[in-house]
PDB file of N, CA and C in Angstrom:
ATOM      1  N   MET A   1     133.609  66.489 176.526  1.00  0.00           N
ATOM      2  CA  MET A   1     132.221  66.598 176.111  1.00  0.00           C
ATOM      3  C   MET A   1     131.666  67.916 176.647  1.00  0.00           C
ATOM      4  N   THR A   2     131.151  68.744 175.769  1.00  0.00           N
ATOM      5  CA  THR A   2     130.640  70.051 176.187  1.00  0.00           C
ATOM      6  C   THR A   2     129.125  70.073 176.330  1.00  0.00           C
ATOM      7  N   VAL A   3     128.443  69.041 175.858  1.00  0.00           N
ATOM      8  CA  VAL A   3     126.998  68.926 176.016  1.00  0.00           C
ATOM      9  C   VAL A   3     126.732  67.675 176.844  1.00  0.00           C
ATOM     10  N   THR A   4     126.153  67.882 178.023  1.00  0.00           N
ATOM     11  CA  THR A   4     125.903  66.743 178.914  1.00  0.00           C
ATOM     12  C   THR A   4     124.494  66.820 179.477  1.00  0.00           C
ATOM     13  N   MET A   5     123.979  65.670 179.813  1.00  0.00           N
ATOM     14  CA  MET A   5     122.670  65.584 180.451  1.00  0.00           C
ATOM     15  C   MET A   5     122.883  65.550 181.950  1.00  0.00           C
ATOM     16  N   ASN A   6     122.342  66.517 182.634  1.00  0.00           N
ATOM     17  CA  ASN A   6     122.477  66.638 184.075  1.00  0.00           C
ATOM     18  C   ASN A   6     121.530  65.649 184.759  1.00  0.00           C
ATOM     19  N   ALA A   7     121.865  65.248 185.958  1.00  0.00           N
ATOM     20  CA  ALA A   7     121.031  64.304 186.705  1.00  0.00           C
ATOM     21  C   ALA A   7     119.643  64.877 186.997  1.00  0.00           C
ATOM     22  N   SER A   8     119.516  66.194 187.020  1.00  0.00           N
ATOM     23  CA  SER A   8     118.219  66.816 187.304  1.00  0.00           C
ATOM     24  C   SER A   8     117.443  67.137 186.025  1.00  0.00           C
ATOM     25  N   ASP A   9     117.658  66.336 184.982  1.00  0.00           N
ATOM     26  CA  ASP A   9     116.946  66.471 183.711  1.00  0.00           C
ATOM     27  C   ASP A   9     117.146  67.854 183.088  1.00  0.00           C
ATOM     28  N   ARG A  10     118.402  68.270 183.052  1.00  0.00           N
ATOM     29  CA  ARG A  10     118.781  69.547 182.460  1.00  0.00           C
ATOM     30  C   ARG A  10     119.963  69.288 181.539  1.00  0.00           C
ATOM     31  N   ILE A  11     119.975  69.931 180.394  1.00  0.00           N
ATOM     32  CA  ILE A  11     121.071  69.786 179.449  1.00  0.00           C
ATOM     33  C   ILE A  11     122.049  70.932 179.688  1.00  0.00           C
ATOM     34  N   ASP A  12     123.303  70.601 179.954  1.00  0.00           N
ATOM     35  CA  ASP A  12     124.327  71.601 180.231  1.00  0.00           C
ATOM     36  C   ASP A  12     125.236  71.778 179.020  1.00  0.00           C
ATOM     37  N   LEU A  13     125.468  73.036 178.634  1.00  0.00           N
ATOM     38  CA  LEU A  13     126.430  73.384 177.596  1.00  0.00           C
ATOM     39  C   LEU A  13     127.577  74.109 178.278  1.00  0.00           C
ATOM     40  N   THR A  14     128.794  73.590 178.119  1.00  0.00           N
ATOM     41  CA  THR A  14     129.939  74.209 178.769  1.00  0.00           C
ATOM     42  C   THR A  14     131.108  74.325 177.793  1.00  0.00           C
ATOM     43  N   GLY A  15     131.911  75.359 178.012  1.00  0.00           N
ATOM     44  CA  GLY A  15     133.116  75.542 177.210  1.00  0.00           C
ATOM     45  C   GLY A  15     132.824  75.902 175.775  1.00  0.00           C
ATOM     46  N   ILE A  16     133.613  75.339 174.875  1.00  0.00           N
ATOM     47  CA  ILE A  16     133.503  75.597 173.439  1.00  0.00           C
ATOM     48  C   ILE A  16     132.773  74.413 172.808  1.00  0.00           C
ATOM     49  N   CYS A  17     131.559  74.647 172.335  1.00  0.00           N
ATOM     50  CA  CYS A  17     130.725  73.575 171.786  1.00  0.00           C
ATOM     51  C   CYS A  17     130.961  73.454 170.279  1.00  0.00           C
ATOM     52  N   PRO A  18     131.659  72.401 169.837  1.00  0.00           N
ATOM     53  CA  PRO A  18     131.961  72.237 168.409  1.00  0.00           C
ATOM     54  C   PRO A  18     130.766  71.684 167.630  1.00  0.00           C
ATOM     55  N   ALA A  19     130.891  71.635 166.330  1.00  0.00           N
ATOM     56  CA  ALA A  19     129.824  71.157 165.446  1.00  0.00           C
ATOM     57  C   ALA A  19     129.373  69.743 165.815  1.00  0.00           C
ATOM     58  N   GLU A  20     130.302  68.910 166.222  1.00  0.00           N
ATOM     59  CA  GLU A  20     129.975  67.523 166.560  1.00  0.00           C
ATOM     60  C   GLU A  20     128.966  67.439 167.701  1.00  0.00           C
ATOM     61  N   ASP A  21     128.922  68.453 168.543  1.00  0.00           N
ATOM     62  CA  ASP A  21     128.006  68.425 169.685  1.00  0.00           C
ATOM     63  C   ASP A  21     126.566  68.726 169.302  1.00  0.00           C
ATOM     64  N   ALA A  22     126.336  69.212 168.093  1.00  0.00           N
ATOM     65  CA  ALA A  22     124.967  69.478 167.655  1.00  0.00           C
ATOM     66  C   ALA A  22     124.149  68.190 167.652  1.00  0.00           C
ATOM     67  N   GLU A  23     124.744  67.115 167.181  1.00  0.00           N
ATOM     68  CA  GLU A  23     124.023  65.831 167.152  1.00  0.00           C
ATOM     69  C   GLU A  23     123.751  65.324 168.562  1.00  0.00           C
ATOM     70  N   ILE A  24     124.716  65.454 169.441  1.00  0.00           N
ATOM     71  CA  ILE A  24     124.533  65.028 170.831  1.00  0.00           C
ATOM     72  C   ILE A  24     123.437  65.855 171.491  1.00  0.00           C
ATOM     73  N   LEU A  25     123.454  67.165 171.255  1.00  0.00           N
ATOM     74  CA  LEU A  25     122.418  68.038 171.798  1.00  0.00           C
ATOM     75  C   LEU A  25     121.051  67.619 171.288  1.00  0.00           C
ATOM     76  N   LEU A  26     120.949  67.357 170.004  1.00  0.00           N
ATOM     77  CA  LEU A  26     119.668  66.935 169.419  1.00  0.00           C
ATOM     78  C   LEU A  26     119.188  65.625 170.040  1.00  0.00           C
ATOM     79  N   GLN A  27     120.079  64.679 170.244  1.00  0.00           N
ATOM     80  CA  GLN A  27     119.701  63.398 170.861  1.00  0.00           C
ATOM     81  C   GLN A  27     119.158  63.614 172.272  1.00  0.00           C
ATOM     82  N   HIS A  28     119.815  64.472 173.048  1.00  0.00           N
ATOM     83  CA  HIS A  28     119.331  64.769 174.406  1.00  0.00           C
ATOM     84  C   HIS A  28     117.961  65.451 174.359  1.00  0.00           C
ATOM     85  N   LEU A  29     117.788  66.377 173.436  1.00  0.00           N
ATOM     86  CA  LEU A  29     116.512  67.082 173.320  1.00  0.00           C
ATOM     87  C   LEU A  29     115.379  66.128 172.944  1.00  0.00           C
ATOM     88  N   LEU A  30     115.652  65.202 172.040  1.00  0.00           N
ATOM     89  CA  LEU A  30     114.631  64.245 171.631  1.00  0.00           C
ATOM     90  C   LEU A  30     114.294  63.256 172.741  1.00  0.00           C
ATOM     91  N   ALA A  31     115.278  62.875 173.514  1.00  0.00           N
ATOM     92  CA  ALA A  31     115.066  61.897 174.582  1.00  0.00           C
ATOM     93  C   ALA A  31     114.435  62.502 175.834  1.00  0.00           C
ATOM     94  N   HIS A  32     114.586  63.806 175.997  1.00  0.00           N
ATOM     95  CA  HIS A  32     114.099  64.478 177.212  1.00  0.00           C
ATOM     96  C   HIS A  32     113.285  65.701 176.795  1.00  0.00           C
ATOM     97  N   SER A  33     112.020  65.484 176.534  1.00  0.00           N
ATOM     98  CA  SER A  33     111.179  66.523 175.940  1.00  0.00           C
ATOM     99  C   SER A  33     110.934  67.740 176.829  1.00  0.00           C
ATOM    100  N   ASP A  34     111.165  67.621 178.118  1.00  0.00           N
ATOM    101  CA  ASP A  34     110.930  68.754 179.017  1.00  0.00           C
ATOM    102  C   ASP A  34     112.212  69.361 179.564  1.00  0.00           C
ATOM    103  N   ALA A  35     113.353  68.894 179.132  1.00  0.00           N
ATOM    104  CA  ALA A  35     114.629  69.361 179.687  1.00  0.00           C
ATOM    105  C   ALA A  35     114.918  70.803 179.282  1.00  0.00           C
ATOM    106  N   ALA A  36     115.292  71.605 180.269  1.00  0.00           N
ATOM    107  CA  ALA A  36     115.752  72.968 180.000  1.00  0.00           C
ATOM    108  C   ALA A  36     117.232  72.896 179.629  1.00  0.00           C
ATOM    109  N   ILE A  37     117.745  73.984 179.075  1.00  0.00           N
ATOM    110  CA  ILE A  37     119.144  74.032 178.657  1.00  0.00           C
ATOM    111  C   ILE A  37     119.866  75.090 179.488  1.00  0.00           C
ATOM    112  N   ASP A  38     120.892  74.658 180.195  1.00  0.00           N
ATOM    113  CA  ASP A  38     121.704  75.570 180.997  1.00  0.00           C
ATOM    114  C   ASP A  38     122.966  75.886 180.204  1.00  0.00           C
ATOM    115  N   TRP A  39     123.089  77.127 179.766  1.00  0.00           N
ATOM    116  CA  TRP A  39     124.254  77.495 178.953  1.00  0.00           C
ATOM    117  C   TRP A  39     125.113  78.543 179.628  1.00  0.00           C
ATOM    118  N   ARG A  40     125.018  78.633 180.932  1.00  0.00           N
ATOM    119  CA  ARG A  40     125.819  79.605 181.683  1.00  0.00           C
ATOM    120  C   ARG A  40     127.315  79.359 181.541  1.00  0.00           C
ATOM    121  N   GLY A  41     127.718  78.146 181.281  1.00  0.00           N
ATOM    122  CA  GLY A  41     129.131  77.827 181.116  1.00  0.00           C
ATOM    123  C   GLY A  41     129.585  77.802 179.668  1.00  0.00           C
ATOM    124  N   CYS A  42     128.709  78.135 178.747  1.00  0.00           N
ATOM    125  CA  CYS A  42     129.029  78.086 177.315  1.00  0.00           C
ATOM    126  C   CYS A  42     129.827  79.322 176.908  1.00  0.00           C
ATOM    127  N   GLU A  43     131.035  79.084 176.428  1.00  0.00           N
ATOM    128  CA  GLU A  43     131.897  80.179 175.978  1.00  0.00           C
ATOM    129  C   GLU A  43     131.612  80.541 174.525  1.00  0.00           C
ATOM    130  N   THR A  44     131.397  79.539 173.700  1.00  0.00           N
ATOM    131  CA  THR A  44     131.026  79.744 172.300  1.00  0.00           C
ATOM    132  C   THR A  44     130.430  78.444 171.773  1.00  0.00           C
ATOM    133  N   ALA A  45     129.686  78.562 170.666  1.00  0.00           N
ATOM    134  CA  ALA A  45     129.051  77.384 170.080  1.00  0.00           C
ATOM    135  C   ALA A  45     129.098  77.491 168.564  1.00  0.00           C
ATOM    136  N   HIS A  46     129.376  76.377 167.930  1.00  0.00           N
ATOM    137  CA  HIS A  46     129.363  76.308 166.468  1.00  0.00           C
ATOM    138  C   HIS A  46     127.952  76.623 165.982  1.00  0.00           C
ATOM    139  N   SER A  47     127.843  77.131 164.781  1.00  0.00           N
ATOM    140  CA  SER A  47     126.532  77.491 164.231  1.00  0.00           C
ATOM    141  C   SER A  47     125.578  76.297 164.162  1.00  0.00           C
ATOM    142  N   ALA A  48     126.109  75.086 164.032  1.00  0.00           N
ATOM    143  CA  ALA A  48     125.253  73.895 164.031  1.00  0.00           C
ATOM    144  C   ALA A  48     124.570  73.726 165.385  1.00  0.00           C
ATOM    145  N   VAL A  49     125.295  73.987 166.447  1.00  0.00           N
ATOM    146  CA  VAL A  49     124.727  73.912 167.798  1.00  0.00           C
ATOM    147  C   VAL A  49     123.680  75.011 167.971  1.00  0.00           C
ATOM    148  N   VAL A  50     123.986  76.203 167.491  1.00  0.00           N
ATOM    149  CA  VAL A  50     123.047  77.323 167.585  1.00  0.00           C
ATOM    150  C   VAL A  50     121.767  77.012 166.819  1.00  0.00           C
ATOM    151  N   GLN A  51     121.884  76.383 165.663  1.00  0.00           N
ATOM    152  CA  GLN A  51     120.699  76.023 164.875  1.00  0.00           C
ATOM    153  C   GLN A  51     119.816  75.042 165.629  1.00  0.00           C
ATOM    154  N   VAL A  52     120.415  74.087 166.309  1.00  0.00           N
ATOM    155  CA  VAL A  52     119.634  73.136 167.101  1.00  0.00           C
ATOM    156  C   VAL A  52     118.939  73.876 168.243  1.00  0.00           C
ATOM    157  N   LEU A  53     119.632  74.813 168.872  1.00  0.00           N
ATOM    158  CA  LEU A  53     119.023  75.598 169.941  1.00  0.00           C
ATOM    159  C   LEU A  53     117.842  76.417 169.419  1.00  0.00           C
ATOM    160  N   MET A  54     118.014  77.010 168.244  1.00  0.00           N
ATOM    161  CA  MET A  54     116.930  77.798 167.657  1.00  0.00           C
ATOM    162  C   MET A  54     115.702  76.925 167.384  1.00  0.00           C
ATOM    163  N   ALA A  55     115.926  75.747 166.851  1.00  0.00           N
ATOM    164  CA  ALA A  55     114.816  74.855 166.517  1.00  0.00           C
ATOM    165  C   ALA A  55     114.171  74.242 167.755  1.00  0.00           C
ATOM    166  N   ALA A  56     114.934  74.088 168.814  1.00  0.00           N
ATOM    167  CA  ALA A  56     114.452  73.389 170.011  1.00  0.00           C
ATOM    168  C   ALA A  56     113.380  74.159 170.759  1.00  0.00           C
ATOM    169  N   ARG A  57     113.481  75.467 170.783  1.00  0.00           N
ATOM    170  CA  ARG A  57     112.515  76.299 171.502  1.00  0.00           C
ATOM    171  C   ARG A  57     112.370  75.867 172.959  1.00  0.00           C
ATOM    172  N   ARG A  58     113.485  75.634 173.607  1.00  0.00           N
ATOM    173  CA  ARG A  58     113.482  75.240 175.016  1.00  0.00           C
ATOM    174  C   ARG A  58     113.847  76.414 175.898  1.00  0.00           C
ATOM    175  N   ALA A  59     113.536  76.265 177.172  1.00  0.00           N
ATOM    176  CA  ALA A  59     113.931  77.273 178.154  1.00  0.00           C
ATOM    177  C   ALA A  59     115.449  77.291 178.260  1.00  0.00           C
ATOM    178  N   MET A  60     116.006  78.491 178.179  1.00  0.00           N
ATOM    179  CA  MET A  60     117.455  78.674 178.301  1.00  0.00           C
ATOM    180  C   MET A  60     117.724  79.253 179.690  1.00  0.00           C
ATOM    181  N   LEU A  61     118.547  78.570 180.456  1.00  0.00           N
ATOM    182  CA  LEU A  61     118.825  79.007 181.816  1.00  0.00           C
ATOM    183  C   LEU A  61     120.084  79.862 181.868  1.00  0.00           C
ATOM    184  N   GLY A  62     119.964  81.050 182.423  1.00  0.00           N
ATOM    185  CA  GLY A  62     121.118  81.908 182.636  1.00  0.00           C
ATOM    186  C   GLY A  62     121.587  82.627 181.392  1.00  0.00           C
ATOM    187  N   THR A  63     122.735  83.265 181.551  1.00  0.00           N
ATOM    188  CA  THR A  63     123.387  84.019 180.493  1.00  0.00           C
ATOM    189  C   THR A  63     124.673  83.299 180.120  1.00  0.00           C
ATOM    190  N   PRO A  64     124.944  83.084 178.825  1.00  0.00           N
ATOM    191  CA  PRO A  64     126.161  82.371 178.429  1.00  0.00           C
ATOM    192  C   PRO A  64     127.423  83.135 178.826  1.00  0.00           C
ATOM    193  N   ALA A  65     128.491  82.408 179.056  1.00  0.00           N
ATOM    194  CA  ALA A  65     129.758  82.987 179.505  1.00  0.00           C
ATOM    195  C   ALA A  65     130.471  83.778 178.418  1.00  0.00           C
ATOM    196  N   GLY A  66     130.386  83.321 177.183  1.00  0.00           N
ATOM    197  CA  GLY A  66     131.120  83.956 176.088  1.00  0.00           C
ATOM    198  C   GLY A  66     130.469  85.233 175.602  1.00  0.00           C
ATOM    199  N   THR A  67     131.303  86.227 175.293  1.00  0.00           N
ATOM    200  CA  THR A  67     130.807  87.532 174.861  1.00  0.00           C
ATOM    201  C   THR A  67     130.008  87.450 173.571  1.00  0.00           C
ATOM    202  N   PHE A  68     130.539  86.790 172.538  1.00  0.00           N
ATOM    203  CA  PHE A  68     129.848  86.736 171.247  1.00  0.00           C
ATOM    204  C   PHE A  68     128.484  86.069 171.380  1.00  0.00           C
ATOM    205  N   ILE A  69     128.454  84.941 172.033  1.00  0.00           N
ATOM    206  CA  ILE A  69     127.189  84.210 172.151  1.00  0.00           C
ATOM    207  C   ILE A  69     126.197  84.974 173.037  1.00  0.00           C
ATOM    208  N   ARG A  70     126.716  85.695 174.028  1.00  0.00           N
ATOM    209  CA  ARG A  70     125.859  86.500 174.899  1.00  0.00           C
ATOM    210  C   ARG A  70     125.287  87.712 174.151  1.00  0.00           C
ATOM    211  N   VAL A  71     126.121  88.375 173.347  1.00  0.00           N
ATOM    212  CA  VAL A  71     125.708  89.609 172.674  1.00  0.00           C
ATOM    213  C   VAL A  71     124.871  89.346 171.419  1.00  0.00           C
ATOM    214  N   PHE A  72     125.188  88.299 170.662  1.00  0.00           N
ATOM    215  CA  PHE A  72     124.524  88.075 169.383  1.00  0.00           C
ATOM    216  C   PHE A  72     123.546  86.898 169.367  1.00  0.00           C
ATOM    217  N   VAL A  73     123.920  85.791 169.978  1.00  0.00           N
ATOM    218  CA  VAL A  73     123.072  84.589 169.902  1.00  0.00           C
ATOM    219  C   VAL A  73     121.931  84.648 170.905  1.00  0.00           C
ATOM    220  N   ALA A  74     122.198  85.041 172.133  1.00  0.00           N
ATOM    221  CA  ALA A  74     121.154  85.082 173.162  1.00  0.00           C
ATOM    222  C   ALA A  74     119.968  85.959 172.744  1.00  0.00           C
ATOM    223  N   PRO A  75     120.205  87.163 172.203  1.00  0.00           N
ATOM    224  CA  PRO A  75     119.050  87.964 171.764  1.00  0.00           C
ATOM    225  C   PRO A  75     118.261  87.297 170.629  1.00  0.00           C
ATOM    226  N   ALA A  76     118.951  86.618 169.739  1.00  0.00           N
ATOM    227  CA  ALA A  76     118.259  85.924 168.643  1.00  0.00           C
ATOM    228  C   ALA A  76     117.380  84.806 169.182  1.00  0.00           C
ATOM    229  N   LEU A  77     117.876  84.081 170.173  1.00  0.00           N
ATOM    230  CA  LEU A  77     117.067  83.024 170.778  1.00  0.00           C
ATOM    231  C   LEU A  77     115.885  83.620 171.536  1.00  0.00           C
ATOM    232  N   ALA A  78     116.087  84.766 172.147  1.00  0.00           N
ATOM    233  CA  ALA A  78     115.016  85.408 172.906  1.00  0.00           C
ATOM    234  C   ALA A  78     113.874  85.857 171.998  1.00  0.00           C
ATOM    235  N   ARG A  79     114.186  86.244 170.764  1.00  0.00           N
ATOM    236  CA  ARG A  79     113.136  86.713 169.867  1.00  0.00           C
ATOM    237  C   ARG A  79     112.798  85.718 168.762  1.00  0.00           C
ATOM    238  N   ARG A  80     113.125  84.465 168.956  1.00  0.00           N
ATOM    239  CA  ARG A  80     112.897  83.458 167.910  1.00  0.00           C
ATOM    240  C   ARG A  80     111.428  83.302 167.553  1.00  0.00           C
ATOM    241  N   SER A  81     110.526  83.651 168.452  1.00  0.00           N
ATOM    242  CA  SER A  81     109.092  83.521 168.135  1.00  0.00           C
ATOM    243  C   SER A  81     108.677  84.514 167.060  1.00  0.00           C
ATOM    244  N   GLU A  82     109.443  85.582 166.836  1.00  0.00           N
ATOM    245  CA  GLU A  82     109.140  86.545 165.782  1.00  0.00           C
ATOM    246  C   GLU A  82     109.235  85.906 164.399  1.00  0.00           C
ATOM    247  N   PHE A  83     109.969  84.804 164.305  1.00  0.00           N
ATOM    248  CA  PHE A  83     110.213  84.177 163.025  1.00  0.00           C
ATOM    249  C   PHE A  83     109.289  83.003 162.756  1.00  0.00           C
ATOM    250  N   ASP A  84     108.323  82.775 163.639  1.00  0.00           N
ATOM    251  CA  ASP A  84     107.374  81.678 163.450  1.00  0.00           C
ATOM    252  C   ASP A  84     106.459  81.972 162.275  1.00  0.00           C
ATOM    253  N   LEU A  85     106.183  80.980 161.510  1.00  0.00           N
ATOM    254  CA  LEU A  85     105.244  81.099 160.403  1.00  0.00           C
ATOM    255  C   LEU A  85     103.889  80.600 160.865  1.00  0.00           C
ATOM    256  N   PRO A  86     102.822  81.147 160.330  1.00  0.00           N
ATOM    257  CA  PRO A  86     101.476  80.700 160.749  1.00  0.00           C
ATOM    258  C   PRO A  86     101.207  79.256 160.374  1.00  0.00           C
TER     259      PRO A  86
END
């Protein structure tokens, strides 16, 4: 399991997060409305997981481990407010 709920009310993403984990991530986000997401151990994530992260608008803790997700996905999440519609 690459998406887990931490005892300190934090959602951890670790390793390679496959498409199946998007649903698990969404369930954790819905059940824990204030939980931050720690993705320091995330090497890569399926686009379904990335879409859930984009929609969640949660605090992202740290820098992801994987080069692609660090170089391309992290900046997109950082500027996601640019895409908000009025």
